[in-house]
Amino acid sequence: LIVHIAEPGDINRIAREIPSAAQTLLHAFWPGPLTMIL
């Protein structure tokens, strides 16, 4: 299942590691139709 969040910072609650590519993509495409696997 995909976990839906409402603030970019919520990613820290559920992801153990957040690579720089994830940071770049969330700033570019969130909120929006992109799901990241972490």
PDB file of all heavy atoms in Angstrom:
ATOM      1  N   LEU A   1       0.845  -1.189   0.000  1.00  0.00           N
ATOM      2  CA  LEU A   1       0.000   0.000   0.000  1.00  0.00           C
ATOM      3  C   LEU A   1       0.883   1.242   0.000  1.00  0.00           C
ATOM      4  O   LEU A   1       2.010   1.216   0.501  1.00  0.00           O
ATOM      5  CB  LEU A   1      -0.906   0.015   1.242  1.00  0.00           C
ATOM      6  CG  LEU A   1      -1.751  -1.231   1.487  1.00  0.00           C
ATOM      7  CD1 LEU A   1      -2.518  -1.081   2.804  1.00  0.00           C
ATOM      8  CD2 LEU A   1      -2.711  -1.476   0.327  1.00  0.00           C
ATOM      9  N   ILE A   2       0.368   2.336  -0.553  1.00  0.00           N
ATOM     10  CA  ILE A   2       1.087   3.614  -0.555  1.00  0.00           C
ATOM     11  C   ILE A   2       0.634   4.439   0.644  1.00  0.00           C
ATOM     12  O   ILE A   2      -0.566   4.586   0.893  1.00  0.00           O
ATOM     13  CB  ILE A   2       0.840   4.380  -1.863  1.00  0.00           C
ATOM     14  CG1 ILE A   2       1.449   3.625  -3.051  1.00  0.00           C
ATOM     15  CG2 ILE A   2       1.417   5.800  -1.784  1.00  0.00           C
ATOM     16  CD1 ILE A   2       1.131   4.243  -4.401  1.00  0.00           C
ATOM     17  N   VAL A   3       1.601   4.982   1.372  1.00  0.00           N
ATOM     18  CA  VAL A   3       1.301   5.848   2.508  1.00  0.00           C
ATOM     19  C   VAL A   3       1.240   7.288   2.022  1.00  0.00           C
ATOM     20  O   VAL A   3       2.199   7.802   1.431  1.00  0.00           O
ATOM     21  CB  VAL A   3       2.356   5.705   3.614  1.00  0.00           C
ATOM     22  CG1 VAL A   3       2.025   6.644   4.777  1.00  0.00           C
ATOM     23  CG2 VAL A   3       2.424   4.259   4.099  1.00  0.00           C
ATOM     24  N   HIS A   4       0.111   7.946   2.279  1.00  0.00           N
ATOM     25  CA  HIS A   4      -0.093   9.333   1.864  1.00  0.00           C
ATOM     26  C   HIS A   4       0.156  10.262   3.050  1.00  0.00           C
ATOM     27  O   HIS A   4      -0.390  10.055   4.140  1.00  0.00           O
ATOM     28  CB  HIS A   4      -1.522   9.524   1.344  1.00  0.00           C
ATOM     29  CG  HIS A   4      -1.774   8.821   0.034  1.00  0.00           C
ATOM     30  ND1 HIS A   4      -1.714   7.458  -0.098  1.00  0.00           N
ATOM     31  CD2 HIS A   4      -2.086   9.313  -1.197  1.00  0.00           C
ATOM     32  CE1 HIS A   4      -1.974   7.123  -1.351  1.00  0.00           C
ATOM     33  NE2 HIS A   4      -2.196   8.225  -2.030  1.00  0.00           N
ATOM     34  N   ILE A   5       0.971  11.281   2.807  1.00  0.00           N
ATOM     35  CA  ILE A   5       1.326  12.243   3.846  1.00  0.00           C
ATOM     36  C   ILE A   5       0.885  13.637   3.410  1.00  0.00           C
ATOM     37  O   ILE A   5       0.575  13.859   2.241  1.00  0.00           O
ATOM     38  CB  ILE A   5       2.826  12.216   4.149  1.00  0.00           C
ATOM     39  CG1 ILE A   5       3.635  12.657   2.914  1.00  0.00           C
ATOM     40  CG2 ILE A   5       3.257  10.802   4.577  1.00  0.00           C
ATOM     41  CD1 ILE A   5       5.153  12.713   3.148  1.00  0.00           C
ATOM     42  N   ALA A   6       0.882  14.579   4.366  1.00  0.00           N
ATOM     43  CA  ALA A   6       0.409  15.932   4.055  1.00  0.00           C
ATOM     44  C   ALA A   6       1.481  16.994   4.174  1.00  0.00           C
ATOM     45  O   ALA A   6       1.265  18.134   3.763  1.00  0.00           O
ATOM     46  CB  ALA A   6      -0.775  16.296   4.966  1.00  0.00           C
ATOM     47  N   GLU A   7       2.614  16.635   4.728  1.00  0.00           N
ATOM     48  CA  GLU A   7       3.732  17.563   4.856  1.00  0.00           C
ATOM     49  C   GLU A   7       5.011  16.840   4.441  1.00  0.00           C
ATOM     50  O   GLU A   7       5.195  15.677   4.814  1.00  0.00           O
ATOM     51  CB  GLU A   7       3.885  18.064   6.297  1.00  0.00           C
ATOM     52  CG  GLU A   7       2.650  18.729   6.878  1.00  0.00           C
ATOM     53  CD  GLU A   7       2.289  20.039   6.195  1.00  0.00           C
ATOM     54  OE1 GLU A   7       3.185  20.621   5.531  1.00  0.00           O
ATOM     55  OE2 GLU A   7       1.137  20.478   6.335  1.00  0.00           O
ATOM     56  N   PRO A   8       5.904  17.487   3.686  1.00  0.00           N
ATOM     57  CA  PRO A   8       7.142  16.806   3.304  1.00  0.00           C
ATOM     58  C   PRO A   8       7.899  16.236   4.493  1.00  0.00           C
ATOM     59  O   PRO A   8       8.505  15.160   4.402  1.00  0.00           O
ATOM     60  CB  PRO A   8       7.939  17.909   2.608  1.00  0.00           C
ATOM     61  CG  PRO A   8       6.913  18.852   2.075  1.00  0.00           C
ATOM     62  CD  PRO A   8       5.806  18.843   3.096  1.00  0.00           C
ATOM     63  N   GLY A   9       7.846  16.932   5.632  1.00  0.00           N
ATOM     64  CA  GLY A   9       8.568  16.463   6.813  1.00  0.00           C
ATOM     65  C   GLY A   9       8.048  15.153   7.369  1.00  0.00           C
ATOM     66  O   GLY A   9       8.761  14.465   8.120  1.00  0.00           O
ATOM     67  N   ASP A  10       6.810  14.775   7.014  1.00  0.00           N
ATOM     68  CA  ASP A  10       6.251  13.510   7.504  1.00  0.00           C
ATOM     69  C   ASP A  10       7.033  12.305   7.007  1.00  0.00           C
ATOM     70  O   ASP A  10       6.935  11.215   7.584  1.00  0.00           O
ATOM     71  CB  ASP A  10       4.790  13.374   7.068  1.00  0.00           C
ATOM     72  CG  ASP A  10       3.857  14.308   7.822  1.00  0.00           C
ATOM     73  OD1 ASP A  10       4.242  14.756   8.922  1.00  0.00           O
ATOM     74  OD2 ASP A  10       2.757  14.591   7.312  1.00  0.00           O
ATOM     75  N   ILE A  11       7.805  12.493   5.935  1.00  0.00           N
ATOM     76  CA  ILE A  11       8.607  11.392   5.411  1.00  0.00           C
ATOM     77  C   ILE A  11       9.588  10.880   6.472  1.00  0.00           C
ATOM     78  O   ILE A  11       9.915   9.679   6.510  1.00  0.00           O
ATOM     79  CB  ILE A  11       9.349  11.846   4.126  1.00  0.00           C
ATOM     80  CG1 ILE A  11       9.895  10.656   3.347  1.00  0.00           C
ATOM     81  CG2 ILE A  11      10.454  12.824   4.443  1.00  0.00           C
ATOM     82  CD1 ILE A  11      10.468  11.050   1.985  1.00  0.00           C
ATOM     83  N   ASN A  12      10.012  11.775   7.354  1.00  0.00           N
ATOM     84  CA  ASN A  12      10.967  11.382   8.398  1.00  0.00           C
ATOM     85  C   ASN A  12      10.347  10.454   9.434  1.00  0.00           C
ATOM     86  O   ASN A  12      11.071   9.733  10.135  1.00  0.00           O
ATOM     87  CB  ASN A  12      11.513  12.637   9.098  1.00  0.00           C
ATOM     88  CG  ASN A  12      12.289  13.529   8.157  1.00  0.00           C
ATOM     89  OD1 ASN A  12      13.367  13.179   7.702  1.00  0.00           O
ATOM     90  ND2 ASN A  12      11.736  14.691   7.836  1.00  0.00           N
ATOM     91  N   ARG A  13       9.025  10.454   9.529  1.00  0.00           N
ATOM     92  CA  ARG A  13       8.356   9.598  10.510  1.00  0.00           C
ATOM     93  C   ARG A  13       8.366   8.133  10.097  1.00  0.00           C
ATOM     94  O   ARG A  13       8.272   7.245  10.950  1.00  0.00           O
ATOM     95  CB  ARG A  13       6.911  10.057  10.711  1.00  0.00           C
ATOM     96  CG  ARG A  13       6.772  11.436  11.300  1.00  0.00           C
ATOM     97  CD  ARG A  13       5.314  11.886  11.324  1.00  0.00           C
ATOM     98  NE  ARG A  13       4.459  10.937  12.041  1.00  0.00           N
ATOM     99  CZ  ARG A  13       3.133  11.051  12.116  1.00  0.00           C
ATOM    100  NH1 ARG A  13       2.521  12.058  11.497  1.00  0.00           N
ATOM    101  NH2 ARG A  13       2.428  10.166  12.789  1.00  0.00           N
ATOM    102  N   ILE A  14       8.461   7.874   8.792  1.00  0.00           N
ATOM    103  CA  ILE A  14       8.268   6.500   8.331  1.00  0.00           C
ATOM    104  C   ILE A  14       9.418   5.942   7.496  1.00  0.00           C
ATOM    105  O   ILE A  14       9.493   4.729   7.298  1.00  0.00           O
ATOM    106  CB  ILE A  14       6.949   6.381   7.537  1.00  0.00           C
ATOM    107  CG1 ILE A  14       6.877   7.418   6.413  1.00  0.00           C
ATOM    108  CG2 ILE A  14       5.762   6.519   8.463  1.00  0.00           C
ATOM    109  CD1 ILE A  14       5.612   7.322   5.570  1.00  0.00           C
ATOM    110  N   ALA A  15      10.304   6.817   7.002  1.00  0.00           N
ATOM    111  CA  ALA A  15      11.433   6.355   6.187  1.00  0.00           C
ATOM    112  C   ALA A  15      12.707   6.322   7.028  1.00  0.00           C
ATOM    113  O   ALA A  15      13.044   7.302   7.700  1.00  0.00           O
ATOM    114  CB  ALA A  15      11.637   7.244   4.974  1.00  0.00           C
ATOM    115  N   ARG A  16      13.418   5.187   6.985  1.00  0.00           N
ATOM    116  CA  ARG A  16      14.638   5.023   7.761  1.00  0.00           C
ATOM    117  C   ARG A  16      15.799   5.787   7.153  1.00  0.00           C
ATOM    118  O   ARG A  16      16.671   6.295   7.863  1.00  0.00           O
ATOM    119  CB  ARG A  16      14.972   3.530   7.849  1.00  0.00           C
ATOM    120  CG  ARG A  16      16.084   3.187   8.825  1.00  0.00           C
ATOM    121  CD  ARG A  16      16.265   1.685   8.983  1.00  0.00           C
ATOM    122  NE  ARG A  16      16.802   1.050   7.783  1.00  0.00           N
ATOM    123  CZ  ARG A  16      16.111   0.255   6.969  1.00  0.00           C
ATOM    124  NH1 ARG A  16      14.832  -0.007   7.202  1.00  0.00           N
ATOM    125  NH2 ARG A  16      16.690  -0.302   5.910  1.00  0.00           N
ATOM    126  N   GLU A  17      15.825   5.846   5.816  1.00  0.00           N
ATOM    127  CA  GLU A  17      16.877   6.575   5.111  1.00  0.00           C
ATOM    128  C   GLU A  17      16.224   7.431   4.032  1.00  0.00           C
ATOM    129  O   GLU A  17      15.289   6.992   3.365  1.00  0.00           O
ATOM    130  CB  GLU A  17      17.864   5.602   4.460  1.00  0.00           C
ATOM    131  CG  GLU A  17      18.581   4.693   5.424  1.00  0.00           C
ATOM    132  CD  GLU A  17      19.415   3.654   4.708  1.00  0.00           C
ATOM    133  OE1 GLU A  17      19.701   3.855   3.499  1.00  0.00           O
ATOM    134  OE2 GLU A  17      19.757   2.630   5.318  1.00  0.00           O
ATOM    135  N   ILE A  18      16.735   8.641   3.875  1.00  0.00           N
ATOM    136  CA  ILE A  18      16.210   9.553   2.861  1.00  0.00           C
ATOM    137  C   ILE A  18      17.389  10.053   2.035  1.00  0.00           C
ATOM    138  O   ILE A  18      18.068  11.020   2.413  1.00  0.00           O
ATOM    139  CB  ILE A  18      15.452  10.734   3.493  1.00  0.00           C
ATOM    140  CG1 ILE A  18      14.370  10.210   4.447  1.00  0.00           C
ATOM    141  CG2 ILE A  18      14.810  11.605   2.410  1.00  0.00           C
ATOM    142  CD1 ILE A  18      13.742  11.272   5.298  1.00  0.00           C
ATOM    143  N   PRO A  19      17.665   9.409   0.909  1.00  0.00           N
ATOM    144  CA  PRO A  19      18.819   9.813   0.103  1.00  0.00           C
ATOM    145  C   PRO A  19      18.616  11.191  -0.510  1.00  0.00           C
ATOM    146  O   PRO A  19      17.496  11.716  -0.571  1.00  0.00           O
ATOM    147  CB  PRO A  19      18.878   8.728  -0.976  1.00  0.00           C
ATOM    148  CG  PRO A  19      17.497   8.192  -1.063  1.00  0.00           C
ATOM    149  CD  PRO A  19      16.929   8.282   0.322  1.00  0.00           C
ATOM    150  N   SER A  20      19.700  11.759  -0.991  1.00  0.00           N
ATOM    151  CA  SER A  20      19.635  13.110  -1.569  1.00  0.00           C
ATOM    152  C   SER A  20      18.703  13.143  -2.769  1.00  0.00           C
ATOM    153  O   SER A  20      18.026  14.155  -3.011  1.00  0.00           O
ATOM    154  CB  SER A  20      21.033  13.576  -1.966  1.00  0.00           C
ATOM    155  OG  SER A  20      21.614  12.684  -2.920  1.00  0.00           O
ATOM    156  N   ALA A  21      18.629  12.039  -3.534  1.00  0.00           N
ATOM    157  CA  ALA A  21      17.719  12.008  -4.682  1.00  0.00           C
ATOM    158  C   ALA A  21      16.272  12.167  -4.230  1.00  0.00           C
ATOM    159  O   ALA A  21      15.475  12.838  -4.895  1.00  0.00           O
ATOM    160  CB  ALA A  21      17.889  10.695  -5.457  1.00  0.00           C
ATOM    161  N   ALA A  22      15.920  11.577  -3.092  1.00  0.00           N
ATOM    162  CA  ALA A  22      14.564  11.716  -2.572  1.00  0.00           C
ATOM    163  C   ALA A  22      14.269  13.157  -2.177  1.00  0.00           C
ATOM    164  O   ALA A  22      13.182  13.684  -2.436  1.00  0.00           O
ATOM    165  CB  ALA A  22      14.355  10.780  -1.385  1.00  0.00           C
ATOM    166  N   GLN A  23      15.253  13.798  -1.546  1.00  0.00           N
ATOM    167  CA  GLN A  23      15.083  15.202  -1.170  1.00  0.00           C
ATOM    168  C   GLN A  23      14.867  16.066  -2.411  1.00  0.00           C
ATOM    169  O   GLN A  23      14.001  16.951  -2.436  1.00  0.00           O
ATOM    170  CB  GLN A  23      16.309  15.680  -0.390  1.00  0.00           C
ATOM    171  CG  GLN A  23      16.520  15.010   0.941  1.00  0.00           C
ATOM    172  CD  GLN A  23      15.574  15.518   2.018  1.00  0.00           C
ATOM    173  OE1 GLN A  23      14.742  16.387   1.785  1.00  0.00           O
ATOM    174  NE2 GLN A  23      15.695  14.969   3.217  1.00  0.00           N
ATOM    175  N   THR A  24      15.649  15.806  -3.442  1.00  0.00           N
ATOM    176  CA  THR A  24      15.515  16.571  -4.680  1.00  0.00           C
ATOM    177  C   THR A  24      14.137  16.371  -5.296  1.00  0.00           C
ATOM    178  O   THR A  24      13.476  17.330  -5.717  1.00  0.00           O
ATOM    179  CB  THR A  24      16.598  16.142  -5.690  1.00  0.00           C
ATOM    180  OG1 THR A  24      17.889  16.412  -5.138  1.00  0.00           O
ATOM    181  CG2 THR A  24      16.443  16.884  -7.010  1.00  0.00           C
ATOM    182  N   LEU A  25      13.678  15.134  -5.346  1.00  0.00           N
ATOM    183  CA  LEU A  25      12.398  14.834  -5.992  1.00  0.00           C
ATOM    184  C   LEU A  25      11.219  15.366  -5.194  1.00  0.00           C
ATOM    185  O   LEU A  25      10.238  15.847  -5.779  1.00  0.00           O
ATOM    186  CB  LEU A  25      12.259  13.320  -6.205  1.00  0.00           C
ATOM    187  CG  LEU A  25      13.235  12.712  -7.221  1.00  0.00           C
ATOM    188  CD1 LEU A  25      13.044  11.203  -7.295  1.00  0.00           C
ATOM    189  CD2 LEU A  25      13.057  13.337  -8.599  1.00  0.00           C
ATOM    190  N   LEU A  26      11.273  15.291  -3.886  1.00  0.00           N
ATOM    191  CA  LEU A  26      10.130  15.792  -3.118  1.00  0.00           C
ATOM    192  C   LEU A  26      10.010  17.304  -3.251  1.00  0.00           C
ATOM    193  O   LEU A  26       8.891  17.845  -3.304  1.00  0.00           O
ATOM    194  CB  LEU A  26      10.202  15.333  -1.662  1.00  0.00           C
ATOM    195  CG  LEU A  26      11.200  15.945  -0.678  1.00  0.00           C
ATOM    196  CD1 LEU A  26      10.690  17.235  -0.058  1.00  0.00           C
ATOM    197  CD2 LEU A  26      11.506  14.936   0.438  1.00  0.00           C
ATOM    198  N   HIS A  27      11.147  18.001  -3.343  1.00  0.00           N
ATOM    199  CA  HIS A  27      11.083  19.455  -3.542  1.00  0.00           C
ATOM    200  C   HIS A  27      10.560  19.787  -4.948  1.00  0.00           C
ATOM    201  O   HIS A  27       9.890  20.800  -5.138  1.00  0.00           O
ATOM    202  CB  HIS A  27      12.461  20.087  -3.322  1.00  0.00           C
ATOM    203  CG  HIS A  27      12.874  20.159  -1.893  1.00  0.00           C
ATOM    204  ND1 HIS A  27      12.171  20.871  -0.945  1.00  0.00           N
ATOM    205  CD2 HIS A  27      13.926  19.584  -1.234  1.00  0.00           C
ATOM    206  CE1 HIS A  27      12.762  20.755   0.234  1.00  0.00           C
ATOM    207  NE2 HIS A  27      13.830  19.976   0.086  1.00  0.00           N
ATOM    208  N   ALA A  28      10.858  18.924  -5.916  1.00  0.00           N
ATOM    209  CA  ALA A  28      10.452  19.187  -7.296  1.00  0.00           C
ATOM    210  C   ALA A  28       9.005  18.803  -7.573  1.00  0.00           C
ATOM    211  O   ALA A  28       8.305  19.493  -8.329  1.00  0.00           O
ATOM    212  CB  ALA A  28      11.370  18.443  -8.263  1.00  0.00           C
ATOM    213  N   PHE A  29       8.517  17.710  -6.980  1.00  0.00           N
ATOM    214  CA  PHE A  29       7.251  17.137  -7.428  1.00  0.00           C
ATOM    215  C   PHE A  29       6.190  16.952  -6.348  1.00  0.00           C
ATOM    216  O   PHE A  29       5.081  16.519  -6.658  1.00  0.00           O
ATOM    217  CB  PHE A  29       7.515  15.778  -8.093  1.00  0.00           C
ATOM    218  CG  PHE A  29       8.397  15.857  -9.298  1.00  0.00           C
ATOM    219  CD1 PHE A  29       9.658  15.284  -9.308  1.00  0.00           C
ATOM    220  CD2 PHE A  29       7.984  16.552 -10.435  1.00  0.00           C
ATOM    221  CE1 PHE A  29      10.478  15.357 -10.423  1.00  0.00           C
ATOM    222  CE2 PHE A  29       8.787  16.641 -11.558  1.00  0.00           C
ATOM    223  CZ  PHE A  29      10.038  16.043 -11.556  1.00  0.00           C
ATOM    224  N   TRP A  30       6.489  17.252  -5.094  1.00  0.00           N
ATOM    225  CA  TRP A  30       5.470  17.152  -4.048  1.00  0.00           C
ATOM    226  C   TRP A  30       4.953  18.534  -3.684  1.00  0.00           C
ATOM    227  O   TRP A  30       5.741  19.477  -3.616  1.00  0.00           O
ATOM    228  CB  TRP A  30       6.060  16.496  -2.812  1.00  0.00           C
ATOM    229  CG  TRP A  30       6.134  14.993  -2.889  1.00  0.00           C
ATOM    230  CD1 TRP A  30       5.825  14.190  -3.943  1.00  0.00           C
ATOM    231  CD2 TRP A  30       6.577  14.132  -1.836  1.00  0.00           C
ATOM    232  NE1 TRP A  30       6.050  12.884  -3.619  1.00  0.00           N
ATOM    233  CE2 TRP A  30       6.508  12.816  -2.338  1.00  0.00           C
ATOM    234  CE3 TRP A  30       7.030  14.338  -0.522  1.00  0.00           C
ATOM    235  CZ2 TRP A  30       6.875  11.709  -1.559  1.00  0.00           C
ATOM    236  CZ3 TRP A  30       7.384  13.252   0.242  1.00  0.00           C
ATOM    237  CH2 TRP A  30       7.304  11.949  -0.269  1.00  0.00           C
ATOM    238  N   PRO A  31       3.664  18.684  -3.441  1.00  0.00           N
ATOM    239  CA  PRO A  31       2.638  17.650  -3.614  1.00  0.00           C
ATOM    240  C   PRO A  31       2.418  17.335  -5.089  1.00  0.00           C
ATOM    241  O   PRO A  31       2.468  18.234  -5.937  1.00  0.00           O
ATOM    242  CB  PRO A  31       1.401  18.254  -2.963  1.00  0.00           C
ATOM    243  CG  PRO A  31       1.603  19.723  -3.061  1.00  0.00           C
ATOM    244  CD  PRO A  31       3.084  19.942  -2.951  1.00  0.00           C
ATOM    245  N   GLY A  32       2.162  16.069  -5.390  1.00  0.00           N
ATOM    246  CA  GLY A  32       1.956  15.681  -6.777  1.00  0.00           C
ATOM    247  C   GLY A  32       1.988  14.178  -6.959  1.00  0.00           C
ATOM    248  O   GLY A  32       2.166  13.421  -6.002  1.00  0.00           O
ATOM    249  N   PRO A  33       1.827  13.718  -8.203  1.00  0.00           N
ATOM    250  CA  PRO A  33       1.630  12.301  -8.494  1.00  0.00           C
ATOM    251  C   PRO A  33       2.932  11.502  -8.603  1.00  0.00           C
ATOM    252  O   PRO A  33       3.192  10.836  -9.602  1.00  0.00           O
ATOM    253  CB  PRO A  33       0.884  12.328  -9.826  1.00  0.00           C
ATOM    254  CG  PRO A  33       1.384  13.558 -10.506  1.00  0.00           C
ATOM    255  CD  PRO A  33       1.609  14.557  -9.407  1.00  0.00           C
ATOM    256  N   LEU A  34       3.763  11.582  -7.558  1.00  0.00           N
ATOM    257  CA  LEU A  34       5.001  10.820  -7.513  1.00  0.00           C
ATOM    258  C   LEU A  34       5.088  10.079  -6.189  1.00  0.00           C
ATOM    259  O   LEU A  34       4.978  10.683  -5.119  1.00  0.00           O
ATOM    260  CB  LEU A  34       6.224  11.737  -7.647  1.00  0.00           C
ATOM    261  CG  LEU A  34       7.572  11.005  -7.564  1.00  0.00           C
ATOM    262  CD1 LEU A  34       7.779  10.112  -8.791  1.00  0.00           C
ATOM    263  CD2 LEU A  34       8.727  12.003  -7.431  1.00  0.00           C
ATOM    264  N   THR A  35       5.280   8.755  -6.281  1.00  0.00           N
ATOM    265  CA  THR A  35       5.471   7.905  -5.104  1.00  0.00           C
ATOM    266  C   THR A  35       6.922   7.450  -5.067  1.00  0.00           C
ATOM    267  O   THR A  35       7.462   7.001  -6.081  1.00  0.00           O
ATOM    268  CB  THR A  35       4.539   6.687  -5.166  1.00  0.00           C
ATOM    269  OG1 THR A  35       3.177   7.130  -5.085  1.00  0.00           O
ATOM    270  CG2 THR A  35       4.828   5.715  -4.031  1.00  0.00           C
ATOM    271  N   MET A  36       7.541   7.549  -3.880  1.00  0.00           N
ATOM    272  CA  MET A  36       8.929   7.120  -3.716  1.00  0.00           C
ATOM    273  C   MET A  36       8.991   5.905  -2.792  1.00  0.00           C
ATOM    274  O   MET A  36       8.344   5.881  -1.745  1.00  0.00           O
ATOM    275  CB  MET A  36       9.771   8.266  -3.159  1.00  0.00           C
ATOM    276  CG  MET A  36       9.921   9.427  -4.132  1.00  0.00           C
ATOM    277  SD  MET A  36      11.151  10.658  -3.601  1.00  0.00           S
ATOM    278  CE  MET A  36      10.251  11.497  -2.291  1.00  0.00           C
ATOM    279  N   ILE A  37       9.791   4.907  -3.189  1.00  0.00           N
ATOM    280  CA  ILE A  37      10.040   3.728  -2.366  1.00  0.00           C
ATOM    281  C   ILE A  37      11.320   3.953  -1.583  1.00  0.00           C
ATOM    282  O   ILE A  37      12.387   4.203  -2.165  1.00  0.00           O
ATOM    283  CB  ILE A  37      10.198   2.461  -3.223  1.00  0.00           C
ATOM    284  CG1 ILE A  37       8.988   2.265  -4.144  1.00  0.00           C
ATOM    285  CG2 ILE A  37      10.436   1.239  -2.340  1.00  0.00           C
ATOM    286  CD1 ILE A  37       7.740   1.855  -3.460  1.00  0.00           C
ATOM    287  N   LEU A  38      11.227   3.854  -0.236  1.00  0.00           N
ATOM    288  CA  LEU A  38      12.370   4.084   0.649  1.00  0.00           C
ATOM    289  C   LEU A  38      12.400   3.016   1.738  1.00  0.00           C
ATOM    290  O   LEU A  38      11.374   2.367   2.007  1.00  0.00           O
ATOM    291  CB  LEU A  38      12.257   5.470   1.297  1.00  0.00           C
ATOM    292  CG  LEU A  38      12.292   6.687   0.348  1.00  0.00           C
ATOM    293  CD1 LEU A  38      11.926   7.948   1.104  1.00  0.00           C
ATOM    294  CD2 LEU A  38      13.667   6.806  -0.295  1.00  0.00           C
TER     295      LEU A  38
END
